[in-house]
Amino acid sequence: MDPRPIYFVRLAAGVRGPMAVEHLRDLADAGFVTREHEIALSADGPWTPLAGQAICAEVFPARRAIAFKDAQIVPVSDAPVATLDPNRAIEEANRPPPSFRGREVFVTARGLLGTPDSGKPNEVQAMVQEVHARVAAHAPPPPPPPPPPPKFPRWRWFVAASLLGTAGIMGIPLLYEMRYDSTSVAILLFWTALYNAFVGTVMMVDRAHNAWLRTRALAGEKTDD
């Protein structure tokens, strides 16, 4: 038989229990039980506030407050801080220490083939040269250059053909010393439109053919044109 007493607590949702003091402390820590809640040793009562019970100190134990101490700053020196000149700091950093003076190292560009005293390469340089030679021997061929652009824009020739053809068609009545009337002008305009449509179609086919030839040239194929 457990000698520790058990308690019942009356909450808003109803009577809860039985539970030991530890359970009451957990509920108090979670905020479900306060000092104003009523407890009893039986579910039927009698009910008394928890604040008037001896176990109140166990359910709500005193907690030690934690506080931080004030920072204690101990001055190291009261002397004013000297200002730092950045230009002088850079100059001092670039100046070699006394132990290195007279033994400075100067870096100069050197060729791959040997040294100034001897033109014969050493083993490492000979190996590098051999690797370069093998890479160059097995390298893929360079891509072919792009095809040159046309020497003259062909559209100008088509425009010239259109203008000359239009002038020739419209000047046919002059060859027969005829006057222009509405019927002849309509017929001439019809043949002019038909001729210009033919010239435009030929120009579009020529542009498509040139684009196809350029694509084949870029792909490395051999063309007959």
Protein backbone atom coordinates (compact mmCIF):
# COMPACT_ATOMS: atom_id res chain seq x y z
CA MET A 1 0.00 0.00 0.00
CA ASP A 2 1.37 3.39 -1.02
CA PRO A 3 1.73 5.55 2.14
CA ARG A 4 1.76 8.78 0.13
CA PRO A 5 -1.61 10.56 0.12
CA ILE A 6 -3.48 11.05 -3.10
CA TYR A 7 -5.55 14.06 -4.02
CA PHE A 8 -8.37 15.06 -6.26
CA VAL A 9 -8.52 18.47 -7.87
CA ARG A 10 -11.63 20.22 -9.12
CA LEU A 11 -11.05 21.93 -12.42
CA ALA A 12 -13.38 23.67 -14.85
CA ALA A 13 -13.63 20.46 -16.89
CA GLY A 14 -14.54 18.39 -13.81
CA VAL A 15 -12.89 16.47 -11.01
CA ARG A 16 -9.51 14.96 -11.83
CA GLY A 17 -7.65 12.37 -9.79
CA PRO A 18 -6.41 10.53 -7.93
CA MET A 19 -2.94 12.00 -8.25
CA ALA A 20 0.09 12.44 -6.07
CA VAL A 21 1.81 15.68 -5.16
CA GLU A 22 4.25 15.23 -8.03
CA HIS A 23 1.37 15.17 -10.52
CA LEU A 24 -0.09 18.29 -8.99
CA ARG A 25 3.32 19.97 -9.31
CA ASP A 26 3.45 19.02 -13.01
CA LEU A 27 0.00 20.48 -13.58
CA ALA A 28 1.02 23.63 -11.72
CA ASP A 29 4.15 23.96 -13.86
CA ALA A 30 1.99 23.63 -16.99
CA GLY A 31 -0.39 26.31 -15.70
CA PHE A 32 -3.45 24.05 -15.28
CA VAL A 33 -3.50 24.22 -11.46
CA THR A 34 -3.22 27.41 -9.40
CA ARG A 35 -3.38 28.17 -5.70
CA GLU A 36 -7.09 29.00 -6.03
CA HIS A 37 -8.08 25.54 -7.25
CA GLU A 38 -9.77 23.29 -4.68
CA ILE A 39 -8.43 19.86 -3.74
CA ALA A 40 -9.65 17.01 -1.58
CA LEU A 41 -8.61 13.58 -0.41
CA SER A 42 -11.78 12.11 -1.90
CA ALA A 43 -13.71 12.70 -5.07
CA ASP A 44 -16.73 13.62 -2.94
CA GLY A 45 -14.88 16.28 -0.91
CA PRO A 46 -14.68 18.18 1.29
CA TRP A 47 -13.02 20.76 -1.02
CA THR A 48 -10.61 23.37 0.20
CA PRO A 49 -8.38 25.80 -1.74
CA LEU A 50 -4.88 24.59 -2.44
CA ALA A 51 -3.44 27.78 -0.95
CA GLY A 52 -4.63 26.72 2.49
CA GLN A 53 -3.12 23.25 2.34
CA ALA A 54 0.29 22.19 3.67
CA ILE A 55 1.21 20.71 0.31
CA CYS A 56 1.00 24.13 -1.34
CA ALA A 57 4.71 24.67 -0.73
CA GLU A 58 5.46 21.34 -2.44
CA VAL A 59 3.19 22.02 -5.40
CA PHE A 60 4.58 25.56 -5.81
CA PRO A 61 8.18 25.34 -4.57
CA ALA A 62 10.16 28.53 -4.21
CA ARG A 63 12.37 29.19 -7.23
CA ARG A 64 15.65 30.99 -7.04
CA ALA A 65 15.77 34.08 -9.15
CA ILE A 66 18.58 34.25 -11.68
CA ALA A 67 20.25 37.56 -12.28
CA PHE A 68 23.37 38.68 -14.07
CA LYS A 69 26.09 40.60 -12.37
CA ASP A 70 27.06 44.00 -13.60
CA ALA A 71 30.01 43.97 -15.93
CA GLN A 72 33.23 45.06 -14.32
CA ILE A 73 35.51 46.85 -16.76
CA VAL A 74 39.09 47.26 -15.58
CA PRO A 75 41.00 49.94 -17.52
CA VAL A 76 44.32 48.72 -18.89
CA SER A 77 45.91 52.04 -19.62
CA ASP A 78 44.88 55.67 -19.53
CA ALA A 79 47.36 56.68 -22.24
CA PRO A 80 45.83 58.02 -25.48
CA VAL A 81 45.75 55.63 -28.42
CA ALA A 82 48.07 56.63 -31.24
CA THR A 83 46.48 57.05 -34.66
CA LEU A 84 47.54 54.64 -37.40
CA ASP A 85 48.76 55.99 -40.72
CA PRO A 86 47.61 53.51 -43.42
CA ASN A 87 50.27 54.58 -45.92
CA ARG A 88 53.03 54.01 -43.39
CA ALA A 89 51.58 50.64 -42.42
CA ILE A 90 51.60 49.53 -46.06
CA GLU A 91 55.18 50.75 -46.49
CA GLU A 92 56.33 48.85 -43.40
CA ALA A 93 54.55 45.70 -44.59
CA ASN A 94 56.25 45.82 -47.99
CA ARG A 95 59.69 46.47 -46.49
CA PRO A 96 61.63 43.21 -45.97
CA PRO A 97 62.96 42.49 -42.48
CA PRO A 98 66.66 43.09 -41.76
CA SER A 99 67.40 39.36 -41.90
CA PHE A 100 66.29 39.24 -45.57
CA ARG A 101 68.05 42.36 -46.76
CA GLY A 102 70.61 41.56 -49.41
CA ARG A 103 68.92 38.22 -50.15
CA GLU A 104 65.82 39.40 -51.99
CA VAL A 105 64.32 37.06 -54.56
CA PHE A 106 63.55 38.48 -58.01
CA VAL A 107 61.11 36.55 -60.18
CA THR A 108 61.73 36.80 -63.93
CA ALA A 109 60.08 35.15 -66.90
CA ARG A 110 61.88 32.07 -68.14
CA GLY A 111 61.39 30.17 -71.35
CA LEU A 112 60.56 26.51 -71.59
CA LEU A 113 63.79 25.51 -73.29
CA GLY A 114 66.58 25.33 -70.76
CA THR A 115 68.31 28.19 -69.03
CA PRO A 116 70.33 31.15 -70.31
CA ASP A 117 73.53 29.16 -69.72
CA SER A 118 72.38 26.04 -71.58
CA GLY A 119 69.87 25.67 -74.37
CA LYS A 120 69.31 21.96 -73.72
CA PRO A 121 66.00 21.17 -71.92
CA ASN A 122 65.95 19.03 -68.82
CA GLU A 123 63.89 15.86 -68.36
CA VAL A 124 60.70 17.63 -67.26
CA GLN A 125 60.85 20.13 -70.11
CA ALA A 126 61.53 17.34 -72.64
CA MET A 127 58.51 15.43 -71.28
CA VAL A 128 56.29 18.51 -71.63
CA GLN A 129 57.45 19.00 -75.21
CA GLU A 130 56.71 15.38 -76.03
CA VAL A 131 53.20 15.64 -74.58
CA HIS A 132 52.55 18.79 -76.61
CA ALA A 133 53.76 17.07 -79.77
CA ARG A 134 51.48 14.04 -79.21
CA VAL A 135 48.47 16.24 -78.49
CA ALA A 136 49.09 18.25 -81.65
CA ALA A 137 49.48 15.05 -83.72
CA HIS A 138 46.17 13.57 -82.52
CA ALA A 139 44.20 16.81 -82.40
CA PRO A 140 41.07 16.92 -84.58
CA PRO A 141 41.26 19.01 -87.73
CA PRO A 142 40.15 22.61 -87.38
CA PRO A 143 36.61 23.38 -88.47
CA PRO A 144 36.23 24.71 -92.00
CA PRO A 145 35.86 28.45 -92.33
CA PRO A 146 32.36 29.78 -92.90
CA PRO A 147 31.37 30.36 -96.49
CA PRO A 148 32.12 33.84 -97.75
CA PRO A 149 29.18 36.19 -98.09
CA PRO A 150 27.90 36.92 -101.60
CA LYS A 151 29.86 39.54 -103.47
CA PHE A 152 26.74 41.58 -104.10
CA PRO A 153 23.22 41.51 -102.68
CA ARG A 154 21.05 39.71 -105.21
CA TRP A 155 17.88 41.56 -104.19
CA ARG A 156 19.16 44.63 -106.00
CA TRP A 157 19.17 42.70 -109.27
CA PHE A 158 15.62 41.55 -108.71
CA VAL A 159 14.50 45.12 -107.94
CA ALA A 160 16.22 46.31 -111.10
CA ALA A 161 14.51 43.55 -113.10
CA SER A 162 11.15 44.52 -111.59
CA LEU A 163 11.59 48.20 -112.44
CA LEU A 164 12.82 47.53 -115.96
CA GLY A 165 10.07 45.01 -116.63
CA THR A 166 7.38 47.35 -115.30
CA ALA A 167 8.67 50.20 -117.44
CA GLY A 168 8.80 47.93 -120.49
CA ILE A 169 5.24 46.68 -120.04
CA MET A 170 3.82 50.13 -119.39
CA GLY A 171 5.69 51.50 -122.47
CA ILE A 172 4.27 48.99 -124.96
CA PRO A 173 1.56 51.40 -126.25
CA LEU A 174 4.25 53.94 -127.09
CA LEU A 175 5.75 51.49 -129.57
CA TYR A 176 2.50 51.45 -131.52
CA GLU A 177 1.79 55.17 -131.08
CA MET A 178 -1.40 54.40 -129.18
CA ARG A 179 -3.07 56.47 -126.50
CA TYR A 180 -3.63 55.23 -123.00
CA ASP A 181 -7.25 54.57 -122.16
CA SER A 182 -8.92 52.86 -119.23
CA THR A 183 -9.01 49.46 -120.93
CA SER A 184 -5.36 49.46 -122.00
CA VAL A 185 -4.20 50.74 -118.61
CA ALA A 186 -6.14 47.99 -116.83
CA ILE A 187 -4.61 45.34 -119.09
CA LEU A 188 -1.10 46.77 -118.61
CA LEU A 189 -1.52 46.91 -114.82
CA PHE A 190 -2.67 43.27 -114.81
CA TRP A 191 0.41 42.13 -116.75
CA THR A 192 2.66 44.34 -114.56
CA ALA A 193 1.29 42.74 -111.37
CA LEU A 194 1.67 39.28 -112.88
CA TYR A 195 5.27 40.01 -113.87
CA ASN A 196 6.21 41.42 -110.46
CA ALA A 197 4.65 38.39 -108.74
CA PHE A 198 6.80 36.15 -110.92
CA VAL A 199 9.94 38.17 -110.05
CA GLY A 200 9.11 38.05 -106.34
CA THR A 201 8.59 34.27 -106.47
CA VAL A 202 11.94 33.77 -108.19
CA MET A 203 13.63 35.99 -105.57
CA MET A 204 12.14 33.95 -102.68
CA VAL A 205 13.26 30.67 -104.28
CA ASP A 206 16.75 32.09 -104.79
CA ARG A 207 16.99 33.18 -101.13
CA ALA A 208 15.86 29.74 -99.94
CA HIS A 209 18.42 28.06 -102.21
CA ASN A 210 21.23 30.28 -100.87
CA ALA A 211 20.21 29.55 -97.28
CA TRP A 212 20.30 25.81 -98.00
CA LEU A 213 23.77 26.09 -99.55
CA ARG A 214 25.05 28.07 -96.56
CA THR A 215 23.68 25.46 -94.14
CA ARG A 216 25.44 22.64 -96.01
CA ALA A 217 28.69 24.62 -96.09
CA LEU A 218 28.56 25.19 -92.34
CA ALA A 219 27.92 21.47 -91.82
CA GLY A 220 31.08 20.63 -93.82
CA GLU A 221 29.32 19.10 -96.83
CA LYS A 222 30.60 19.58 -100.35
CA THR A 223 28.37 21.52 -102.69
CA ASP A 224 28.37 21.63 -106.48
CA ASP A 225 27.43 25.31 -106.66
